[in-house]
Amino acid sequence: MAYFDDLAPCSYFPAGQDSLLAVGWLEQGHLFTQGLVNEDVFEALVRLCVNPWQPVAFAGRHACALCRFSGGPGALVYRDMTVSFGGANVFIPGTERVFVAPTLVVHYIDAHGYAPPREFLDAVMGCPEMRSLAYLKALKARGLTAFR
């Protein structure tokens, strides 16, 4: 996986990077903000990561570079939800642009104490239900329609 500073333009995707802000693209050897994340926000983010809308497919699994020996788990189970890691990203419409985070973001928060930027956490709490018409309209309104 690539490393991006939080809130930097995300050029990981074939198109649309003018609309995308990176969050949670962590890698070994790069500092990241640590702190507490409210459990309600964590639960909302997990719910969005269960079956996130994917405009492009990736092959294979990316392991957690922060888990020193094991590469981390392949999934997170929280309450009645399971998030698979390493092959998907979650797109969250913000105020003006779209945040994009690997689904590993929930593992980073849970296991490594990562604290995403406040703007991202606020967007998570205001995000329409994944794949709903309101969600797709919010993405489009912020300049993200599809990748070429």
N, C-alpha and C. Protein backbone atom coordinates (compact mmCIF):
# COMPACT_ATOMS: atom_id res chain seq x y z
N MET A 1 0.85 -1.18 0.00
CA MET A 1 0.00 0.00 0.00
C MET A 1 0.89 1.24 0.00
N ALA A 2 0.42 2.31 -0.51
CA ALA A 2 1.15 3.56 -0.55
C ALA A 2 0.96 4.32 0.76
N TYR A 3 1.88 5.23 1.06
CA TYR A 3 1.75 6.10 2.21
C TYR A 3 1.33 7.48 1.74
N PHE A 4 0.37 8.08 2.42
CA PHE A 4 -0.03 9.47 2.19
C PHE A 4 -0.22 10.13 3.54
N ASP A 5 0.20 11.39 3.65
CA ASP A 5 -0.13 12.17 4.84
C ASP A 5 -1.63 12.33 4.92
N ASP A 6 -2.16 12.39 6.13
CA ASP A 6 -3.59 12.66 6.29
C ASP A 6 -3.94 13.99 5.65
N LEU A 7 -5.04 14.00 4.94
CA LEU A 7 -5.64 15.15 4.25
C LEU A 7 -4.85 15.62 3.03
N ALA A 8 -3.87 14.80 2.60
CA ALA A 8 -3.15 15.10 1.35
C ALA A 8 -3.98 14.58 0.18
N PRO A 9 -3.83 15.18 -1.00
CA PRO A 9 -4.50 14.61 -2.17
C PRO A 9 -4.07 13.17 -2.38
N CYS A 10 -5.02 12.31 -2.70
CA CYS A 10 -4.73 10.88 -2.84
C CYS A 10 -4.62 10.52 -4.32
N SER A 11 -3.42 10.21 -4.75
CA SER A 11 -3.16 9.88 -6.16
C SER A 11 -3.08 8.37 -6.38
N TYR A 12 -3.56 7.59 -5.46
CA TYR A 12 -3.49 6.13 -5.54
C TYR A 12 -4.39 5.55 -6.62
N PHE A 13 -5.40 6.30 -6.99
CA PHE A 13 -6.41 5.81 -7.92
C PHE A 13 -6.18 6.37 -9.32
N PRO A 14 -6.64 5.68 -10.34
CA PRO A 14 -6.35 6.07 -11.72
C PRO A 14 -6.90 7.43 -12.12
N ALA A 15 -7.91 7.91 -11.48
CA ALA A 15 -8.48 9.23 -11.77
C ALA A 15 -9.24 9.69 -10.53
N GLY A 16 -9.61 10.93 -10.49
CA GLY A 16 -10.40 11.43 -9.37
C GLY A 16 -9.59 11.99 -8.23
N GLN A 17 -8.25 12.00 -8.34
CA GLN A 17 -7.45 12.44 -7.20
C GLN A 17 -7.67 13.91 -6.85
N ASP A 18 -8.20 14.70 -7.79
CA ASP A 18 -8.50 16.09 -7.47
C ASP A 18 -9.62 16.18 -6.44
N SER A 19 -10.42 15.13 -6.34
CA SER A 19 -11.56 15.11 -5.41
C SER A 19 -11.27 14.36 -4.13
N LEU A 20 -10.15 13.62 -4.07
CA LEU A 20 -9.89 12.70 -2.97
C LEU A 20 -8.85 13.21 -1.98
N LEU A 21 -9.18 13.09 -0.69
CA LEU A 21 -8.23 13.39 0.38
C LEU A 21 -7.93 12.10 1.14
N ALA A 22 -6.66 11.81 1.31
CA ALA A 22 -6.23 10.58 1.98
C ALA A 22 -6.41 10.68 3.49
N VAL A 23 -6.83 9.58 4.08
CA VAL A 23 -6.90 9.44 5.54
C VAL A 23 -6.53 8.00 5.86
N GLY A 24 -5.62 7.82 6.80
CA GLY A 24 -5.30 6.48 7.29
C GLY A 24 -4.44 5.63 6.37
N TRP A 25 -3.66 6.24 5.51
CA TRP A 25 -2.74 5.49 4.64
C TRP A 25 -1.40 5.39 5.38
N LEU A 26 -1.38 4.57 6.42
CA LEU A 26 -0.24 4.47 7.32
C LEU A 26 0.76 3.42 6.85
N GLU A 27 2.01 3.67 7.15
CA GLU A 27 3.08 2.72 6.84
C GLU A 27 4.14 2.81 7.93
N GLN A 28 4.85 1.74 8.12
CA GLN A 28 5.97 1.67 9.06
C GLN A 28 6.96 2.79 8.74
N GLY A 29 7.49 3.43 9.77
CA GLY A 29 8.50 4.46 9.60
C GLY A 29 7.94 5.87 9.42
N HIS A 30 6.62 6.02 9.40
CA HIS A 30 5.99 7.33 9.27
C HIS A 30 5.17 7.59 10.54
N LEU A 31 5.33 8.77 11.10
CA LEU A 31 4.57 9.14 12.28
C LEU A 31 3.10 9.32 11.93
N PHE A 32 2.24 9.05 12.90
CA PHE A 32 0.81 9.28 12.72
C PHE A 32 0.22 9.74 14.03
N THR A 33 -0.89 10.47 13.95
CA THR A 33 -1.55 11.00 15.14
C THR A 33 -2.20 9.88 15.92
N GLN A 34 -1.97 9.88 17.22
CA GLN A 34 -2.60 8.90 18.09
C GLN A 34 -3.51 9.61 19.07
N GLY A 35 -4.53 8.92 19.52
CA GLY A 35 -5.46 9.50 20.47
C GLY A 35 -6.71 8.65 20.57
N LEU A 36 -7.68 9.18 21.25
CA LEU A 36 -8.93 8.45 21.46
C LEU A 36 -9.94 8.78 20.37
N VAL A 37 -10.65 7.77 19.95
CA VAL A 37 -11.75 7.93 19.00
C VAL A 37 -13.01 7.44 19.72
N ASN A 38 -14.04 8.26 19.68
CA ASN A 38 -15.31 7.93 20.32
C ASN A 38 -15.85 6.62 19.74
N GLU A 39 -16.40 5.76 20.59
CA GLU A 39 -16.89 4.47 20.13
C GLU A 39 -18.05 4.59 19.15
N ASP A 40 -18.88 5.62 19.28
CA ASP A 40 -19.97 5.82 18.32
C ASP A 40 -19.42 6.09 16.92
N VAL A 41 -18.34 6.87 16.85
CA VAL A 41 -17.70 7.15 15.56
C VAL A 41 -17.07 5.88 15.01
N PHE A 42 -16.40 5.13 15.88
CA PHE A 42 -15.78 3.86 15.46
C PHE A 42 -16.84 2.91 14.90
N GLU A 43 -17.96 2.78 15.59
CA GLU A 43 -19.03 1.90 15.12
C GLU A 43 -19.57 2.36 13.77
N ALA A 44 -19.76 3.66 13.60
CA ALA A 44 -20.25 4.19 12.32
C ALA A 44 -19.26 3.90 11.20
N LEU A 45 -17.96 4.04 11.48
CA LEU A 45 -16.94 3.76 10.48
C LEU A 45 -16.89 2.27 10.14
N VAL A 46 -16.99 1.42 11.14
CA VAL A 46 -17.03 -0.03 10.90
C VAL A 46 -18.21 -0.36 9.98
N ARG A 47 -19.37 0.20 10.28
CA ARG A 47 -20.57 -0.06 9.47
C ARG A 47 -20.33 0.33 8.00
N LEU A 48 -19.66 1.47 7.78
CA LEU A 48 -19.38 1.91 6.41
C LEU A 48 -18.35 1.02 5.72
N CYS A 49 -17.46 0.40 6.50
CA CYS A 49 -16.39 -0.43 5.94
C CYS A 49 -16.80 -1.88 5.68
N VAL A 50 -17.96 -2.28 6.15
CA VAL A 50 -18.38 -3.68 5.99
C VAL A 50 -18.49 -4.06 4.52
N ASN A 51 -19.14 -3.24 3.73
CA ASN A 51 -19.30 -3.52 2.29
C ASN A 51 -19.22 -2.20 1.54
N PRO A 52 -18.02 -1.60 1.51
CA PRO A 52 -17.91 -0.26 0.94
C PRO A 52 -18.06 -0.24 -0.57
N TRP A 53 -18.60 0.87 -1.06
CA TRP A 53 -18.70 1.12 -2.50
C TRP A 53 -17.28 1.16 -3.05
N GLN A 54 -17.04 0.43 -4.15
CA GLN A 54 -15.71 0.35 -4.76
C GLN A 54 -15.77 0.73 -6.23
N PRO A 55 -15.18 1.87 -6.60
CA PRO A 55 -15.18 2.25 -8.01
C PRO A 55 -14.12 1.54 -8.83
N VAL A 56 -13.22 0.84 -8.15
CA VAL A 56 -12.14 0.13 -8.84
C VAL A 56 -11.78 -1.09 -7.99
N ALA A 57 -11.41 -2.18 -8.63
CA ALA A 57 -11.07 -3.42 -7.92
C ALA A 57 -9.56 -3.58 -7.81
N PHE A 58 -9.12 -4.09 -6.68
CA PHE A 58 -7.72 -4.40 -6.46
C PHE A 58 -7.59 -5.88 -6.15
N ALA A 59 -6.51 -6.47 -6.56
CA ALA A 59 -6.28 -7.89 -6.31
C ALA A 59 -5.36 -8.06 -5.12
N GLY A 60 -5.63 -9.05 -4.31
CA GLY A 60 -4.75 -9.37 -3.19
C GLY A 60 -5.07 -8.60 -1.93
N ARG A 61 -4.39 -8.97 -0.87
CA ARG A 61 -4.59 -8.38 0.45
C ARG A 61 -3.34 -7.62 0.85
N HIS A 62 -3.54 -6.43 1.39
CA HIS A 62 -2.43 -5.67 1.95
C HIS A 62 -2.43 -5.89 3.46
N ALA A 63 -1.33 -6.36 3.98
CA ALA A 63 -1.19 -6.60 5.41
C ALA A 63 -0.92 -5.29 6.15
N CYS A 64 -1.12 -5.30 7.45
CA CYS A 64 -0.83 -4.14 8.29
C CYS A 64 0.68 -4.02 8.47
N ALA A 65 1.24 -2.93 7.99
CA ALA A 65 2.67 -2.70 8.11
C ALA A 65 3.07 -2.29 9.53
N LEU A 66 2.09 -1.97 10.37
CA LEU A 66 2.39 -1.57 11.75
C LEU A 66 2.45 -2.76 12.70
N CYS A 67 1.83 -3.86 12.33
CA CYS A 67 1.91 -5.08 13.14
C CYS A 67 3.27 -5.70 12.86
N ARG A 68 4.09 -5.67 13.83
CA ARG A 68 5.52 -5.96 13.68
C ARG A 68 5.84 -7.30 13.05
N PHE A 69 5.18 -8.36 13.47
CA PHE A 69 5.55 -9.69 12.99
C PHE A 69 4.46 -10.37 12.16
N SER A 70 3.22 -10.17 12.52
CA SER A 70 2.14 -10.97 11.93
C SER A 70 1.50 -10.37 10.68
N GLY A 71 1.67 -9.09 10.46
CA GLY A 71 0.95 -8.45 9.37
C GLY A 71 -0.49 -8.17 9.73
N GLY A 72 -0.84 -8.43 10.96
CA GLY A 72 -2.19 -8.15 11.45
C GLY A 72 -3.21 -9.16 11.01
N PRO A 73 -4.42 -8.99 11.49
CA PRO A 73 -5.49 -9.91 11.12
C PRO A 73 -5.99 -9.63 9.72
N GLY A 74 -6.76 -10.53 9.18
CA GLY A 74 -7.37 -10.34 7.86
C GLY A 74 -8.71 -9.66 7.94
N ALA A 75 -9.23 -9.55 9.18
CA ALA A 75 -10.55 -8.94 9.36
C ALA A 75 -10.71 -8.46 10.80
N LEU A 76 -11.67 -7.58 10.99
CA LEU A 76 -12.05 -7.11 12.32
C LEU A 76 -13.51 -7.47 12.52
N VAL A 77 -13.81 -8.08 13.65
CA VAL A 77 -15.20 -8.38 14.01
C VAL A 77 -15.56 -7.46 15.16
N TYR A 78 -16.60 -6.67 14.96
CA TYR A 78 -17.06 -5.75 15.98
C TYR A 78 -18.58 -5.84 16.05
N ARG A 79 -19.07 -6.22 17.20
CA ARG A 79 -20.49 -6.47 17.39
C ARG A 79 -20.97 -7.47 16.34
N ASP A 80 -21.92 -7.15 15.51
CA ASP A 80 -22.42 -8.10 14.51
C ASP A 80 -21.85 -7.83 13.12
N MET A 81 -20.74 -7.08 13.05
CA MET A 81 -20.18 -6.66 11.76
C MET A 81 -18.76 -7.19 11.58
N THR A 82 -18.43 -7.55 10.33
CA THR A 82 -17.08 -8.00 9.99
C THR A 82 -16.55 -7.15 8.85
N VAL A 83 -15.36 -6.61 9.05
CA VAL A 83 -14.68 -5.82 8.02
C VAL A 83 -13.46 -6.59 7.57
N SER A 84 -13.39 -6.92 6.29
CA SER A 84 -12.20 -7.56 5.72
C SER A 84 -11.19 -6.48 5.37
N PHE A 85 -9.91 -6.80 5.59
CA PHE A 85 -8.85 -5.82 5.38
C PHE A 85 -8.03 -6.08 4.14
N GLY A 86 -7.46 -5.01 3.65
CA GLY A 86 -6.39 -5.09 2.70
C GLY A 86 -6.75 -5.04 1.24
N GLY A 87 -8.03 -5.16 0.88
CA GLY A 87 -8.37 -5.15 -0.53
C GLY A 87 -9.42 -4.12 -0.90
N ALA A 88 -9.86 -3.33 0.07
CA ALA A 88 -10.92 -2.37 -0.20
C ALA A 88 -10.60 -1.03 0.47
N ASN A 89 -11.26 -0.02 -0.02
CA ASN A 89 -11.14 1.33 0.53
C ASN A 89 -12.55 1.85 0.80
N VAL A 90 -12.63 2.82 1.68
CA VAL A 90 -13.92 3.42 2.00
C VAL A 90 -13.86 4.89 1.60
N PHE A 91 -14.89 5.32 0.86
CA PHE A 91 -14.99 6.69 0.38
C PHE A 91 -16.06 7.40 1.19
N ILE A 92 -15.68 8.49 1.86
CA ILE A 92 -16.57 9.21 2.76
C ILE A 92 -16.72 10.64 2.25
N PRO A 93 -17.92 11.06 1.84
CA PRO A 93 -18.09 12.43 1.39
C PRO A 93 -17.93 13.41 2.54
N GLY A 94 -17.05 14.40 2.33
CA GLY A 94 -16.84 15.44 3.32
C GLY A 94 -17.61 16.69 2.92
N THR A 95 -17.23 17.82 3.48
CA THR A 95 -17.90 19.08 3.19
C THR A 95 -17.70 19.50 1.74
N GLU A 96 -16.43 19.42 1.27
CA GLU A 96 -16.14 19.86 -0.10
C GLU A 96 -15.56 18.76 -0.98
N ARG A 97 -14.83 17.84 -0.38
CA ARG A 97 -14.21 16.77 -1.16
C ARG A 97 -14.52 15.43 -0.51
N VAL A 98 -13.97 14.37 -1.05
CA VAL A 98 -14.23 13.01 -0.57
C VAL A 98 -12.98 12.49 0.12
N PHE A 99 -13.16 11.96 1.32
CA PHE A 99 -12.07 11.30 2.03
C PHE A 99 -12.01 9.86 1.54
N VAL A 100 -10.79 9.32 1.40
CA VAL A 100 -10.64 7.91 1.06
C VAL A 100 -9.64 7.29 2.04
N ALA A 101 -10.06 6.16 2.60
CA ALA A 101 -9.22 5.45 3.58
C ALA A 101 -9.25 3.96 3.26
N PRO A 102 -8.15 3.27 3.47
CA PRO A 102 -8.20 1.80 3.35
C PRO A 102 -9.07 1.26 4.48
N THR A 103 -9.73 0.14 4.25
CA THR A 103 -10.55 -0.43 5.33
C THR A 103 -9.70 -0.80 6.54
N LEU A 104 -8.40 -0.89 6.37
CA LEU A 104 -7.50 -1.11 7.51
C LEU A 104 -7.59 0.02 8.53
N VAL A 105 -8.22 1.13 8.18
CA VAL A 105 -8.32 2.25 9.10
C VAL A 105 -8.97 1.84 10.42
N VAL A 106 -9.94 0.93 10.38
CA VAL A 106 -10.58 0.51 11.64
C VAL A 106 -9.61 -0.31 12.49
N HIS A 107 -8.75 -1.08 11.86
CA HIS A 107 -7.70 -1.82 12.60
C HIS A 107 -6.69 -0.83 13.19
N TYR A 108 -6.29 0.16 12.41
CA TYR A 108 -5.32 1.15 12.90
C TYR A 108 -5.87 1.87 14.14
N ILE A 109 -7.15 2.21 14.12
CA ILE A 109 -7.77 2.87 15.27
C ILE A 109 -7.82 1.93 16.46
N ASP A 110 -8.29 0.71 16.24
CA ASP A 110 -8.49 -0.26 17.31
C ASP A 110 -7.18 -0.78 17.90
N ALA A 111 -6.25 -1.16 17.06
CA ALA A 111 -5.03 -1.83 17.54
C ALA A 111 -3.84 -0.91 17.74
N HIS A 112 -3.80 0.19 17.02
CA HIS A 112 -2.60 1.04 17.06
C HIS A 112 -2.85 2.45 17.58
N GLY A 113 -4.07 2.73 18.02
CA GLY A 113 -4.38 4.02 18.62
C GLY A 113 -4.40 5.19 17.66
N TYR A 114 -4.55 4.90 16.37
CA TYR A 114 -4.59 5.96 15.37
C TYR A 114 -5.82 6.85 15.58
N ALA A 115 -5.60 8.15 15.46
CA ALA A 115 -6.68 9.12 15.56
C ALA A 115 -6.78 9.89 14.25
N PRO A 116 -7.75 9.54 13.41
CA PRO A 116 -7.93 10.26 12.15
C PRO A 116 -8.28 11.73 12.40
N PRO A 117 -8.10 12.57 11.39
CA PRO A 117 -8.45 13.99 11.54
C PRO A 117 -9.92 14.19 11.88
N ARG A 118 -10.19 15.24 12.65
CA ARG A 118 -11.55 15.56 13.09
C ARG A 118 -12.50 15.69 11.89
N GLU A 119 -12.04 16.30 10.78
CA GLU A 119 -12.90 16.50 9.62
C GLU A 119 -13.41 15.16 9.08
N PHE A 120 -12.53 14.16 9.10
CA PHE A 120 -12.90 12.83 8.64
C PHE A 120 -13.92 12.21 9.58
N LEU A 121 -13.67 12.30 10.88
CA LEU A 121 -14.59 11.71 11.87
C LEU A 121 -15.97 12.36 11.78
N ASP A 122 -16.00 13.68 11.58
CA ASP A 122 -17.28 14.38 11.41
C ASP A 122 -18.00 13.89 10.15
N ALA A 123 -17.23 13.69 9.07
CA ALA A 123 -17.81 13.20 7.82
C ALA A 123 -18.37 11.79 7.99
N VAL A 124 -17.69 10.96 8.74
CA VAL A 124 -18.17 9.60 9.02
C VAL A 124 -19.55 9.67 9.69
N MET A 125 -19.67 10.55 10.67
CA MET A 125 -20.94 10.65 11.39
C MET A 125 -22.06 11.22 10.53
N GLY A 126 -21.72 11.99 9.50
CA GLY A 126 -22.74 12.55 8.63
C GLY A 126 -22.92 11.80 7.33
N CYS A 127 -22.21 10.69 7.17
CA CYS A 127 -22.24 9.96 5.91
C CYS A 127 -23.56 9.20 5.74
N PRO A 128 -24.18 9.35 4.58
CA PRO A 128 -25.39 8.55 4.31
C PRO A 128 -25.04 7.06 4.28
N GLU A 129 -26.05 6.24 4.35
CA GLU A 129 -25.86 4.79 4.31
C GLU A 129 -25.09 4.40 3.05
N MET A 130 -24.12 3.52 3.23
CA MET A 130 -23.28 3.07 2.12
C MET A 130 -24.13 2.55 0.97
N ARG A 131 -23.80 2.98 -0.24
CA ARG A 131 -24.43 2.55 -1.48
C ARG A 131 -25.85 3.09 -1.68
N SER A 132 -26.32 3.93 -0.76
CA SER A 132 -27.67 4.50 -0.92
C SER A 132 -27.62 5.59 -1.99
N LEU A 133 -28.78 5.98 -2.48
CA LEU A 133 -28.85 7.06 -3.46
C LEU A 133 -28.28 8.35 -2.87
N ALA A 134 -28.57 8.63 -1.61
CA ALA A 134 -28.05 9.83 -0.95
C ALA A 134 -26.52 9.79 -0.89
N TYR A 135 -25.95 8.62 -0.64
CA TYR A 135 -24.49 8.46 -0.60
C TYR A 135 -23.89 8.74 -1.98
N LEU A 136 -24.44 8.11 -3.02
CA LEU A 136 -23.90 8.30 -4.37
C LEU A 136 -24.06 9.75 -4.84
N LYS A 137 -25.16 10.40 -4.48
CA LYS A 137 -25.34 11.81 -4.82
C LYS A 137 -24.32 12.68 -4.09
N ALA A 138 -24.01 12.36 -2.84
CA ALA A 138 -23.02 13.13 -2.08
C ALA A 138 -21.64 13.00 -2.71
N LEU A 139 -21.28 11.81 -3.16
CA LEU A 139 -19.99 11.63 -3.85
C LEU A 139 -19.95 12.46 -5.12
N LYS A 140 -21.01 12.39 -5.90
CA LYS A 140 -21.06 13.11 -7.18
C LYS A 140 -20.99 14.62 -6.94
N ALA A 141 -21.68 15.11 -5.93
CA ALA A 141 -21.69 16.55 -5.63
C ALA A 141 -20.31 17.06 -5.25
N ARG A 142 -19.44 16.17 -4.81
CA ARG A 142 -18.08 16.55 -4.41
C ARG A 142 -17.05 16.20 -5.48
N GLY A 143 -17.54 15.90 -6.66
CA GLY A 143 -16.65 15.71 -7.80
C GLY A 143 -16.21 14.30 -8.08
N LEU A 144 -16.72 13.33 -7.35
CA LEU A 144 -16.32 11.94 -7.58
C LEU A 144 -17.48 11.21 -8.25
N THR A 145 -17.29 10.85 -9.48
CA THR A 145 -18.35 10.14 -10.18
C THR A 145 -17.93 8.71 -10.48
N ALA A 146 -16.82 8.53 -11.12
CA ALA A 146 -16.30 7.19 -11.43
C ALA A 146 -14.87 7.34 -11.90
N PHE A 147 -14.16 6.28 -11.88
CA PHE A 147 -12.78 6.30 -12.36
C PHE A 147 -12.76 5.81 -13.79
N ARG A 148 -11.86 6.36 -14.57
CA ARG A 148 -11.72 5.95 -15.96
C ARG A 148 -10.83 4.74 -16.07
